[in-house]
Each structure stands twice: as C-alpha cells, then as structure tokens.
Amino acid sequence: MGLVDSQDNFDKTAFIHLRIPQSQPTLMSQAHLPTTGALTGVLEALAFFRDPSFAQRRFQTHGDVFETCLLGQRIVFIQGDQPIADLLAQTGCLEGWWPQSVRLLLGSRSLANRNGDGHKARRRVVGQLFSSAALRRYTPEISVLVQKLVDELLNSTSPQPLSPLLRRFAFSVIANVVLGLDDRNRDELFADFEIWTKALFSIPISIPGTPFTHAMNARTRLLSRLKQVLAEDTPMKGGLDLIRGGVDEVGIPLDDEDLAEQLLLLLFAGYETTASSLSCLFRALLMNPTVNTWLLEELDAQSEQEDRDRSLPRLDATVLEVMRLTPPVGGFFRRTKASVMLAGLEVPAGRVIQVVLTPSSPCDDSDFADFRPQRHLDESFDQTLLPFGGGERVCLGKALADLEIRLMALGVLKNVDLHLHPNQDLSLQQIPSPTPRDGLVVAANKKSK
C-alpha cells in the first residue's frame, strides 16, 4: 500500500501488466455499463470485506468494467489492459479518492486526501525527501542499518522470522535516516504505527475495542510525537530540513499541524511498500534456489562498493519479477470529475473507480506463472509493470524503496546463507501489503568467502 495515492489490496494475487497508451482512450459505440444491481450495497459491502475473490467473481460475470454499490457508494471496478490504459489517458477528468477509513486515518490535511493545487503543492514539499540528492545523503546510513540486520541474523542461535526484521529495517530507514528521529522516538512510533496500519482498510466504526478505534487513538499519539519533533529547537536531522519552510498552494508556509500529517503519510509511503517488497524478494529467492544461484553469480563477481555503483542487470530483473508476481500495490482508486470512456463504456461523473490489478497473459505463456527473472533480459516480456501504481499520484516512496532493496539484497546475499525453516506457511497475507503469513522463518549462516 506505499502510499500510492490510492491502494487496493482486495485482489489477493494481483500483479499488473499494462501497455501505456500512446494515443487517446478507446473510442467506440457506447455500450451499457454492466451493473450488479445492488441498491443499498449492504450485502455487497459484507461480501467485499469477507471474500478475497469479490472482484474476480464479478469480473467473470460482468466483464472487465462493472458498477456496484458498497454501503450507498456507487463504485466502478475495472481490470485489464484497455480499461486501465484508457483511464490513465484521461487524468484530467479524474481526482484522487480514498475509502472513509483511509481518509480519516490520514487526516484532512494529508496530500493523499487533497486534489488540485493543494495536492501538487504538498507533493512538491514531501517529494524533496525522495530526490536524487536526498537519496545520496541517505545511502551511508542505510548501509549501516543493513549491516546491523546482517549481524543480527548471524548472531542468532536459532531460526527466526525474517519479515519482522525487514519491517523494522524499513521503518528505521524512514524514521531514523529520513526523518532523523532518535531510537526512542522511532520505537514509540513503530508500535503505534503498526496499530494504525492494520486498520487503514477497515470498517470505520468508532466503537471502543474495534481496530479502527485503536488506530484512531494511535493516530493521535503519532501526530503528537511528530509535532514534538517539529517543535524542537535543535537542528533538524535526516531530511526534515528539506521540507521545513515548505509552502502551500498560495505560498503560505505549512504549519506544524499540516507538516505532521504529511510526515504520517511519509512514514507509510517510505515503509510499507519497501517492507513488503523485501519480504517477497527473499521469499521468492528461497523458494527458487536455481534463480538464487544465478543471481549470486553476478553479485559475487564484484565487491559490495562496486555493486552499489554499477549496473546489476540480474538483480534488477529479479526485483522486477518479484514486482510482477507480488506487487506491493494491488490497485488504486480514482473519482471521475467528468464522464470517461473505458473500453467503450461510459462511466458518469461522480463515480468512484476501483482499479484492480489482475493477472493477465496475452499469449498464455506456459511459464507466465513461474518465477523467471530472465524474461526481463531476453526480450520475451514486453509489457509495462506498475507495481507502485500509475499516473500523477504514483507512490512517493518508490525511489527510496528501490535503493533500500538494492542495498539490502547486496548486504544479505553476499554475506549470509539463508535456509527456510521447514513446516511453515509461505502463503501471503495481503493487507496492508503482501507478507508471508508465518514471517518467513529462516536459519542463517555466515557465507564462506
């Protein structure tokens, strides 16, 4: 889920293959927009939260574009190359949209909940934290955190779950390195942030004891701590100095209330997608030892410093293949400001559109479901991947995620032999982002040079 300006995790095995359109959206004779016939949407909403195949079952019945109702909200679900390509070609007719649970947990000031000039102004401010110059500033400190994780693995006397270590690493990068927080503030934020994250896509009922209520309380504590950091008189660490003094759409400096909500979004954008991608990368390599050996042939040929600075086509292809099969973002939302045409079907103004990123294979290749990174090098794969979402609201944390994945892959694969512990569930839970259910339990040994 980083934060793309919309995220969906309801298609449980989603990955996306798109050819980005070179022309205007498909124009053909208008056809009737298929609908499930739901009126109040109560039963549809119950099915939506309970059934991981909710969208796929209806796509099979109604086609790649259909309308339904969820608790009174008319919503159009789409999948497939042509409808999504048409949508991305009509961004001027669209705006961002989130379910109510996400809107409330992010806050009204958050750039994810803004459109137009307000969104653009805050995206410029927060985007400075992910610039090329900022990433160069972060690299040495991220490398130190990678080494700490390697040492923790090697010092362990028993198998341990790798995914929680990767999640804490990713959070440390965004909290310690990017935001410059100390370890105490980081640990306090992490505990509340995990509570907050789990309820992003939930039923927003404020009843004591519900996940949403716990998340709203955690949000209050998170914002309080972030505002305390912003109010400190000491020089700002990490990248906070890059956003201090940022201005809104009319040139007025953002106050601490506004900046705190942007930082809350930033924590998610720079953390969740990275943690998911790292877990899925090591899961794929451990489940496919032949690919792991093929990748190590490239990594072992050079020193780690050389690897950081040079092209690593096999590593890049492996990461792409992980993104193809288990993207950290399973889809996104938009709302129509004017009617749009999607694969010949007119979607009226004022409709929410849920983009569902689904498996597809135009040629039905026999190995399409296989983990084969070589397809990205031998020119047998010519489609466009959008693992971090698409359009002008693409995930803010993408560049940071790419850097962390590269440094972590180099640090672990060149120094540690990992082995899967037997009898564990390697399937993926999908919310808020794909993660191995049992935590990817591994035994670690120092790699012989």
Protein backbone atom coordinates (compact mmCIF):
# COMPACT_ATOMS: atom_id res chain seq x y z
CA MET A 1 0.00 0.00 0.00
CA GLY A 2 3.15 2.78 -0.15
CA LEU A 3 1.40 5.27 -0.29
CA VAL A 4 0.22 5.48 -3.75
CA ASP A 5 -2.40 8.00 -3.88
CA SER A 6 -4.67 5.07 -3.81
CA GLN A 7 -4.19 1.48 -2.89
CA ASP A 8 -6.20 -1.67 -3.09
CA ASN A 9 -5.35 -4.98 -1.55
CA PHE A 10 -8.57 -6.78 -2.21
CA ASP A 11 -7.38 -8.76 -5.22
CA LYS A 12 -5.29 -11.24 -3.31
CA THR A 13 -2.90 -12.38 -6.07
CA ALA A 14 -2.70 -9.19 -8.07
CA PHE A 15 0.01 -8.15 -10.44
CA ILE A 16 -0.25 -5.76 -13.35
CA HIS A 17 0.89 -5.80 -16.95
CA LEU A 18 0.00 -2.72 -18.94
CA ARG A 19 0.95 -1.15 -22.21
CA ILE A 20 0.75 2.55 -21.54
CA PRO A 21 -1.35 4.14 -24.27
CA GLN A 22 0.26 6.26 -26.93
CA SER A 23 -2.97 7.85 -28.05
CA GLN A 24 -6.41 8.86 -26.87
CA PRO A 25 -8.64 6.43 -24.98
CA THR A 26 -10.54 3.85 -26.94
CA LEU A 27 -13.48 5.37 -28.77
CA MET A 28 -16.27 3.11 -29.92
CA SER A 29 -20.01 3.00 -29.81
CA GLN A 30 -21.22 3.46 -26.27
CA ALA A 31 -22.44 0.31 -24.55
CA HIS A 32 -24.42 -0.10 -21.37
CA LEU A 33 -22.33 -0.09 -18.19
CA PRO A 34 -22.80 -3.53 -16.59
CA THR A 35 -24.08 -3.47 -13.01
CA THR A 36 -24.58 -5.93 -10.19
CA GLY A 37 -27.97 -4.38 -9.47
CA ALA A 38 -27.08 -3.63 -5.84
CA LEU A 39 -29.13 -0.76 -4.39
CA THR A 40 -28.13 -0.14 -0.76
CA GLY A 41 -24.90 -2.09 -1.06
CA VAL A 42 -25.09 -3.62 2.43
CA LEU A 43 -24.74 -7.21 1.23
CA GLU A 44 -22.14 -6.19 -1.34
CA ALA A 45 -20.09 -4.48 1.38
CA LEU A 46 -20.19 -7.57 3.58
CA ALA A 47 -19.02 -9.69 0.66
CA PHE A 48 -16.36 -7.11 -0.20
CA PHE A 49 -14.69 -7.38 3.22
CA ARG A 50 -15.13 -11.14 3.60
CA ASP A 51 -14.44 -12.53 0.13
CA PRO A 52 -10.89 -12.17 -1.25
CA SER A 53 -12.29 -13.05 -4.69
CA PHE A 54 -15.03 -10.41 -4.53
CA ALA A 55 -13.90 -8.52 -7.63
CA GLN A 56 -12.83 -11.56 -9.64
CA ARG A 57 -16.18 -13.30 -9.23
CA ARG A 58 -17.97 -10.24 -10.58
CA PHE A 59 -15.48 -9.71 -13.40
CA GLN A 60 -16.25 -13.25 -14.54
CA THR A 61 -19.95 -12.41 -14.62
CA HIS A 62 -19.96 -8.81 -15.90
CA GLY A 63 -16.68 -8.33 -17.77
CA ASP A 64 -13.71 -6.04 -17.15
CA VAL A 65 -15.80 -2.98 -16.22
CA PHE A 66 -18.81 -3.15 -13.93
CA GLU A 67 -20.64 -0.99 -11.39
CA THR A 68 -21.87 -1.94 -7.95
CA CYS A 69 -22.79 -0.26 -4.68
CA LEU A 70 -20.96 -0.53 -1.35
CA LEU A 71 -22.84 0.97 1.62
CA GLY A 72 -24.51 3.58 -0.58
CA GLN A 73 -21.37 4.43 -2.58
CA ARG A 74 -21.61 3.77 -6.32
CA ILE A 75 -18.28 2.29 -7.38
CA VAL A 76 -16.99 1.03 -10.73
CA PHE A 77 -14.47 -1.81 -10.72
CA ILE A 78 -12.10 -2.16 -13.67
CA GLN A 79 -9.33 -4.52 -14.70
CA GLY A 80 -7.36 -5.34 -17.84
CA ASP A 81 -5.03 -3.55 -20.24
CA GLN A 82 -7.54 -1.49 -22.20
CA PRO A 83 -9.76 -0.11 -19.41
CA ILE A 84 -6.75 0.86 -17.27
CA ALA A 85 -4.88 2.36 -20.23
CA ASP A 86 -7.99 4.38 -21.12
CA LEU A 87 -8.24 5.59 -17.52
CA LEU A 88 -4.62 6.76 -17.39
CA ALA A 89 -5.14 8.65 -20.67
CA GLN A 90 -7.91 10.76 -19.09
CA THR A 91 -6.27 12.01 -15.89
CA GLY A 92 -7.75 15.49 -16.40
CA CYS A 93 -11.18 14.01 -15.73
CA LEU A 94 -10.08 12.29 -12.52
CA GLU A 95 -9.18 13.08 -8.93
CA GLY A 96 -7.85 11.06 -6.03
CA TRP A 97 -10.21 9.23 -3.70
CA TRP A 98 -9.91 7.02 -0.63
CA PRO A 99 -12.31 4.90 1.42
CA GLN A 100 -13.53 6.67 4.53
CA SER A 101 -11.29 4.65 6.87
CA VAL A 102 -8.19 5.80 5.00
CA ARG A 103 -9.37 9.41 4.75
CA LEU A 104 -9.96 9.60 8.48
CA LEU A 105 -6.73 7.88 9.47
CA LEU A 106 -4.62 10.03 7.15
CA GLY A 107 -6.32 13.31 8.01
CA SER A 108 -7.87 16.14 6.04
CA ARG A 109 -4.56 17.98 5.55
CA SER A 110 -2.74 14.97 4.08
CA LEU A 111 -1.72 15.38 0.45
CA ALA A 112 -3.30 11.99 -0.26
CA ASN A 113 -6.69 13.50 0.62
CA ARG A 114 -6.15 16.63 -1.45
CA ASN A 115 -6.68 17.35 -5.12
CA GLY A 116 -5.70 20.13 -7.48
CA ASP A 117 -3.25 22.81 -6.38
CA GLY A 118 -3.31 21.74 -2.73
CA HIS A 119 -2.19 18.24 -3.68
CA LYS A 120 0.51 19.45 -6.05
CA ALA A 121 1.97 21.91 -3.52
CA ARG A 122 2.28 19.32 -0.76
CA ARG A 123 3.58 16.66 -3.11
CA ARG A 124 6.39 19.06 -4.10
CA VAL A 125 7.24 19.58 -0.43
CA VAL A 126 7.25 15.90 0.56
CA GLY A 127 8.84 14.84 -2.73
CA GLN A 128 12.06 16.63 -1.76
CA LEU A 129 12.71 13.83 0.73
CA PHE A 130 12.94 11.35 -2.16
CA SER A 131 15.08 13.40 -4.57
CA SER A 132 18.32 12.03 -6.03
CA ALA A 133 20.35 14.33 -3.80
CA ALA A 134 18.45 13.19 -0.71
CA LEU A 135 18.95 9.51 -1.60
CA ARG A 136 22.70 10.05 -1.91
CA ARG A 137 22.64 11.61 1.55
CA TYR A 138 20.80 8.59 3.00
CA THR A 139 22.90 5.81 1.41
CA PRO A 140 25.72 5.54 4.02
CA GLU A 141 23.28 5.37 6.94
CA ILE A 142 21.08 2.82 5.17
CA SER A 143 24.17 0.67 4.60
CA VAL A 144 24.86 0.76 8.35
CA LEU A 145 21.33 -0.45 9.07
CA VAL A 146 21.77 -3.27 6.54
CA GLN A 147 24.93 -4.40 8.32
CA LYS A 148 23.11 -4.36 11.67
CA LEU A 149 20.46 -6.68 10.26
CA VAL A 150 23.14 -8.98 8.79
CA ASP A 151 24.87 -9.13 12.19
CA GLU A 152 21.57 -9.90 13.93
CA LEU A 153 20.93 -12.78 11.57
CA LEU A 154 24.40 -14.23 12.00
CA ASN A 155 24.39 -13.87 15.79
CA SER A 156 21.09 -15.69 16.18
CA THR A 157 21.43 -19.22 17.58
CA SER A 158 18.04 -20.40 16.28
CA PRO A 159 15.80 -19.83 13.24
CA GLN A 160 13.90 -16.55 13.31
CA PRO A 161 11.27 -14.77 11.20
CA LEU A 162 12.95 -12.59 8.59
CA SER A 163 9.92 -10.47 7.65
CA PRO A 164 9.63 -8.67 11.02
CA LEU A 165 13.35 -7.81 10.82
CA LEU A 166 12.84 -6.39 7.34
CA ARG A 167 9.83 -4.39 8.50
CA ARG A 168 11.81 -2.88 11.37
CA PHE A 169 14.69 -2.13 8.99
CA ALA A 170 12.38 -0.34 6.55
CA PHE A 171 10.81 1.66 9.37
CA SER A 172 14.25 2.57 10.76
CA VAL A 173 15.24 3.91 7.36
CA ILE A 174 12.28 6.24 7.11
CA ALA A 175 12.23 7.18 10.82
CA ASN A 176 15.94 7.40 11.69
CA VAL A 177 17.57 8.18 8.35
CA VAL A 178 14.94 10.22 6.51
CA LEU A 179 13.19 11.92 9.42
CA GLY A 180 16.20 11.97 11.74
CA LEU A 181 14.37 10.60 14.80
CA ASP A 182 16.27 9.07 17.70
CA ASP A 183 15.83 5.40 18.61
CA ARG A 184 13.39 6.13 21.45
CA ASN A 185 11.07 8.15 19.23
CA ARG A 186 11.41 5.55 16.49
CA ASP A 187 10.41 2.65 18.74
CA GLU A 188 7.43 4.54 20.17
CA LEU A 189 6.30 5.47 16.66
CA PHE A 190 6.76 1.93 15.37
CA ALA A 191 4.44 0.36 17.95
CA ASP A 192 1.66 2.85 17.23
CA PHE A 193 2.30 2.81 13.51
CA GLU A 194 1.72 -0.94 13.28
CA ILE A 195 -1.64 -0.46 15.04
CA TRP A 196 -2.52 2.41 12.68
CA THR A 197 -1.54 0.50 9.53
CA LYS A 198 -3.63 -2.57 10.28
CA ALA A 199 -6.89 -0.58 10.24
CA LEU A 200 -6.33 1.51 7.11
CA PHE A 201 -8.70 -0.67 5.10
CA SER A 202 -11.33 -1.44 7.71
CA ILE A 203 -14.92 -0.61 8.53
CA PRO A 204 -14.69 2.89 10.08
CA ILE A 205 -16.85 2.30 13.15
CA SER A 206 -15.72 4.24 16.23
CA ILE A 207 -16.79 1.74 18.87
CA PRO A 208 -14.42 1.02 21.78
CA GLY A 209 -12.35 -2.09 21.11
CA THR A 210 -12.59 -2.07 17.30
CA PRO A 211 -9.42 -1.98 15.16
CA PHE A 212 -10.49 1.38 13.73
CA THR A 213 -10.86 2.94 17.19
CA HIS A 214 -7.46 1.60 18.23
CA ALA A 215 -5.99 3.03 15.01
CA MET A 216 -7.53 6.48 15.55
CA ASN A 217 -6.08 6.57 19.08
CA ALA A 218 -2.71 5.52 17.69
CA ARG A 219 -3.00 8.30 15.09
CA THR A 220 -3.45 10.88 17.84
CA ARG A 221 -0.28 9.67 19.58
CA LEU A 222 1.65 9.54 16.31
CA LEU A 223 0.77 13.11 15.37
CA SER A 224 1.59 14.33 18.87
CA ARG A 225 5.08 12.82 18.68
CA LEU A 226 5.68 14.15 15.17
CA LYS A 227 4.69 17.66 16.22
CA GLN A 228 7.04 17.44 19.19
CA VAL A 229 9.89 16.59 16.81
CA LEU A 230 8.98 19.51 14.55
CA ALA A 231 8.85 21.89 17.53
CA GLU A 232 12.33 21.04 18.83
CA ASP A 233 14.85 23.88 18.76
CA THR A 234 17.78 21.62 17.86
CA PRO A 235 18.93 21.48 14.21
CA MET A 236 16.81 19.09 12.19
CA LYS A 237 18.40 15.79 11.28
CA GLY A 238 17.79 13.44 8.39
CA GLY A 239 15.80 15.10 5.62
CA LEU A 240 13.47 17.22 7.74
CA ASP A 241 15.45 20.31 6.87
CA LEU A 242 14.44 19.73 3.25
CA ILE A 243 10.73 20.21 3.97
CA ARG A 244 10.88 22.81 6.73
CA GLY A 245 9.73 26.03 5.12
CA GLY A 246 7.62 24.28 2.51
CA VAL A 247 4.67 26.32 1.33
CA ASP A 248 1.09 25.57 0.35
CA GLU A 249 -0.69 26.33 -2.91
CA VAL A 250 -0.91 30.07 -2.20
CA GLY A 251 2.65 30.42 -0.91
CA ILE A 252 1.86 30.30 2.82
CA PRO A 253 4.34 28.20 4.87
CA LEU A 254 2.91 24.91 6.09
CA ASP A 255 2.30 24.90 9.84
CA ASP A 256 3.29 22.02 12.12
CA GLU A 257 -0.23 20.55 12.04
CA ASP A 258 -0.03 20.33 8.25
CA LEU A 259 3.57 19.05 8.19
CA ALA A 260 2.79 16.38 10.81
CA GLU A 261 0.06 14.90 8.60
CA GLN A 262 2.44 14.90 5.64
CA LEU A 263 5.03 13.09 7.75
CA LEU A 264 2.45 10.50 8.81
CA LEU A 265 1.80 9.83 5.13
CA LEU A 266 5.54 9.80 4.52
CA LEU A 267 6.07 7.10 7.15
CA PHE A 268 3.65 4.91 5.25
CA ALA A 269 4.91 5.78 1.76
CA GLY A 270 8.51 5.08 2.69
CA TYR A 271 7.89 2.00 4.79
CA GLU A 272 5.05 -0.35 3.92
CA THR A 273 5.84 -0.95 0.24
CA THR A 274 9.54 -1.44 0.97
CA ALA A 275 8.95 -3.90 3.78
CA SER A 276 6.58 -5.89 1.58
CA SER A 277 8.92 -5.88 -1.42
CA LEU A 278 11.89 -7.05 0.65
CA SER A 279 9.94 -9.91 2.23
CA CYS A 280 8.62 -11.02 -1.14
CA LEU A 281 12.10 -10.81 -2.71
CA PHE A 282 13.73 -13.11 -0.14
CA ARG A 283 10.71 -15.41 -0.15
CA ALA A 284 10.99 -15.79 -3.93
CA LEU A 285 14.74 -16.46 -3.83
CA LEU A 286 14.43 -19.00 -1.01
CA MET A 287 11.64 -20.80 -2.87
CA ASN A 288 13.61 -20.76 -6.14
CA PRO A 289 17.20 -21.76 -5.34
CA THR A 290 18.17 -22.04 -9.02
CA VAL A 291 17.38 -18.35 -9.51
CA ASN A 292 19.25 -17.54 -6.30
CA THR A 293 22.36 -19.28 -7.65
CA TRP A 294 22.03 -17.46 -10.98
CA LEU A 295 21.78 -14.12 -9.19
CA LEU A 296 24.74 -14.82 -6.91
CA GLU A 297 26.97 -15.42 -9.94
CA GLU A 298 26.55 -11.72 -10.70
CA LEU A 299 26.78 -10.42 -7.14
CA ASP A 300 29.83 -12.44 -6.16
CA ALA A 301 31.83 -11.16 -9.13
CA GLN A 302 32.38 -7.71 -7.59
CA SER A 303 32.87 -6.05 -4.24
CA GLU A 304 29.86 -4.55 -2.46
CA GLN A 305 31.09 -0.99 -3.10
CA GLU A 306 31.44 -1.75 -6.82
CA ASP A 307 27.98 -3.34 -6.81
CA ARG A 308 26.42 -0.18 -5.34
CA ASP A 309 27.80 1.92 -8.16
CA ARG A 310 27.40 -0.28 -11.22
CA SER A 311 24.65 -1.84 -13.25
CA LEU A 312 23.38 -5.17 -11.94
CA PRO A 313 21.02 -6.44 -14.63
CA ARG A 314 20.31 -9.77 -12.96
CA LEU A 315 19.41 -8.13 -9.66
CA ASP A 316 17.25 -5.57 -11.43
CA ALA A 317 15.50 -8.33 -13.37
CA THR A 318 14.93 -10.35 -10.20
CA VAL A 319 13.35 -7.39 -8.43
CA LEU A 320 11.15 -6.74 -11.48
CA GLU A 321 10.00 -10.35 -11.45
CA VAL A 322 9.12 -10.11 -7.77
CA MET A 323 7.16 -6.94 -8.51
CA ARG A 324 5.42 -8.67 -11.40
CA LEU A 325 4.18 -11.52 -9.25
CA THR A 326 3.70 -9.81 -5.88
CA PRO A 327 3.40 -6.04 -6.33
CA PRO A 328 3.35 -4.03 -3.11
CA VAL A 329 0.39 -2.09 -4.51
CA GLY A 330 -2.57 -4.18 -5.62
CA GLY A 331 -4.52 -1.35 -7.22
CA PHE A 332 -5.76 2.19 -6.74
CA PHE A 333 -8.83 4.43 -6.59
CA ARG A 334 -9.90 7.43 -8.62
CA ARG A 335 -13.09 9.50 -8.80
CA THR A 336 -14.47 10.95 -12.02
CA LYS A 337 -14.92 14.72 -12.25
CA ALA A 338 -16.39 14.28 -15.73
CA SER A 339 -17.58 11.25 -17.64
CA VAL A 340 -14.86 8.98 -19.04
CA MET A 341 -14.86 6.21 -21.63
CA LEU A 342 -13.29 2.93 -20.55
CA ALA A 343 -13.11 0.21 -23.21
CA GLY A 344 -16.16 1.67 -24.91
CA LEU A 345 -18.22 2.01 -21.73
CA GLU A 346 -19.17 5.44 -20.39
CA VAL A 347 -18.57 5.98 -16.67
CA PRO A 348 -20.53 9.04 -15.46
CA ALA A 349 -19.11 11.93 -13.45
CA GLY A 350 -19.06 11.45 -9.70
CA ARG A 351 -18.27 7.74 -9.79
CA VAL A 352 -15.52 6.14 -7.74
CA ILE A 353 -13.35 3.83 -9.83
CA GLN A 354 -11.55 0.91 -8.19
CA VAL A 355 -8.65 -0.26 -10.37
CA VAL A 356 -7.94 -3.93 -9.69
CA LEU A 357 -4.56 -5.12 -10.94
CA THR A 358 -5.05 -8.70 -12.03
CA PRO A 359 -3.01 -11.49 -13.60
CA SER A 360 -3.17 -11.49 -17.36
CA SER A 361 -1.23 -13.07 -20.18
CA PRO A 362 -1.95 -12.07 -23.77
CA CYS A 363 -0.12 -15.12 -25.08
CA ASP A 364 -0.97 -17.56 -22.27
CA ASP A 365 2.72 -18.43 -21.98
CA SER A 366 3.27 -21.73 -20.19
CA ASP A 367 5.79 -20.18 -17.78
CA PHE A 368 3.87 -16.98 -17.10
CA ALA A 369 3.06 -18.03 -13.53
CA ASP A 370 6.66 -19.09 -12.90
CA PHE A 371 9.31 -17.01 -11.17
CA ARG A 372 11.71 -16.43 -14.07
CA PRO A 373 13.64 -13.14 -13.93
CA GLN A 374 15.37 -13.94 -17.22
CA ARG A 375 12.21 -12.91 -19.07
CA HIS A 376 13.15 -9.28 -18.37
CA LEU A 377 16.54 -9.73 -20.02
CA ASP A 378 15.82 -11.96 -23.04
CA GLU A 379 13.19 -9.60 -24.53
CA SER A 380 10.45 -12.20 -24.13
CA PHE A 381 8.49 -9.83 -21.86
CA ASP A 382 7.43 -6.55 -23.43
CA GLN A 383 4.72 -5.24 -21.09
CA THR A 384 4.85 -2.34 -18.66
CA LEU A 385 4.76 -3.03 -14.94
CA LEU A 386 3.20 -0.59 -12.49
CA PRO A 387 3.99 -2.16 -9.11
CA PHE A 388 3.80 1.22 -7.34
CA GLY A 389 0.63 2.41 -9.04
CA GLY A 390 0.31 4.73 -12.01
CA GLY A 391 -0.38 8.25 -13.15
CA GLU A 392 0.46 11.51 -11.42
CA ARG A 393 -0.29 10.03 -7.99
CA VAL A 394 2.27 7.22 -8.15
CA CYS A 395 3.79 6.07 -4.84
CA LEU A 396 6.05 8.74 -3.34
CA GLY A 397 8.41 6.20 -1.79
CA LYS A 398 9.30 4.32 -4.98
CA ALA A 399 12.85 5.69 -5.38
CA LEU A 400 13.68 5.09 -1.72
CA ALA A 401 12.25 1.57 -1.95
CA ASP A 402 14.45 0.83 -4.98
CA LEU A 403 17.55 2.00 -3.09
CA GLU A 404 16.75 0.00 0.07
CA ILE A 405 16.00 -3.16 -1.88
CA ARG A 406 19.31 -2.93 -3.76
CA LEU A 407 21.40 -2.30 -0.62
CA MET A 408 19.63 -5.00 1.40
CA ALA A 409 19.91 -7.59 -1.37
CA LEU A 410 23.63 -6.92 -1.70
CA GLY A 411 24.27 -6.89 2.04
CA VAL A 412 22.42 -10.12 2.83
CA LEU A 413 23.01 -12.23 -0.28
CA LYS A 414 26.76 -11.61 -0.39
CA ASN A 415 27.30 -12.34 3.32
CA VAL A 416 24.62 -14.74 4.56
CA ASP A 417 23.42 -18.20 3.56
CA LEU A 418 19.71 -18.34 4.34
CA HIS A 419 17.72 -21.57 4.63
CA LEU A 420 13.96 -21.89 5.01
CA HIS A 421 12.82 -23.44 8.26
CA PRO A 422 10.55 -26.44 7.48
CA ASN A 423 6.82 -26.69 8.08
CA GLN A 424 5.89 -23.02 7.76
CA ASP A 425 3.14 -21.27 5.82
CA LEU A 426 4.75 -19.40 2.92
CA SER A 427 1.49 -18.05 1.53
CA LEU A 428 0.97 -14.30 1.61
CA GLN A 429 -1.40 -12.24 3.70
CA GLN A 430 -2.42 -9.24 1.61
CA ILE A 431 -3.43 -6.40 3.93
CA PRO A 432 -1.96 -3.88 4.14
CA SER A 433 0.67 -5.32 1.73
CA PRO A 434 1.81 -8.85 0.78
CA THR A 435 3.76 -10.51 3.61
CA PRO A 436 4.50 -14.21 4.33
CA ARG A 437 1.97 -15.43 6.88
CA ASP A 438 4.47 -17.13 9.19
CA GLY A 439 7.02 -14.36 8.88
CA LEU A 440 9.47 -16.21 6.58
CA VAL A 441 11.35 -18.15 9.25
CA VAL A 442 14.99 -18.72 8.27
CA ALA A 443 18.24 -20.14 9.62
CA ALA A 444 21.29 -18.06 8.82
CA ASN A 445 24.96 -18.96 8.43
CA LYS A 446 27.94 -16.82 7.51
CA LYS A 447 28.79 -17.27 3.86
CA SER A 448 32.25 -18.69 3.18
CA LYS A 449 34.37 -16.41 1.03
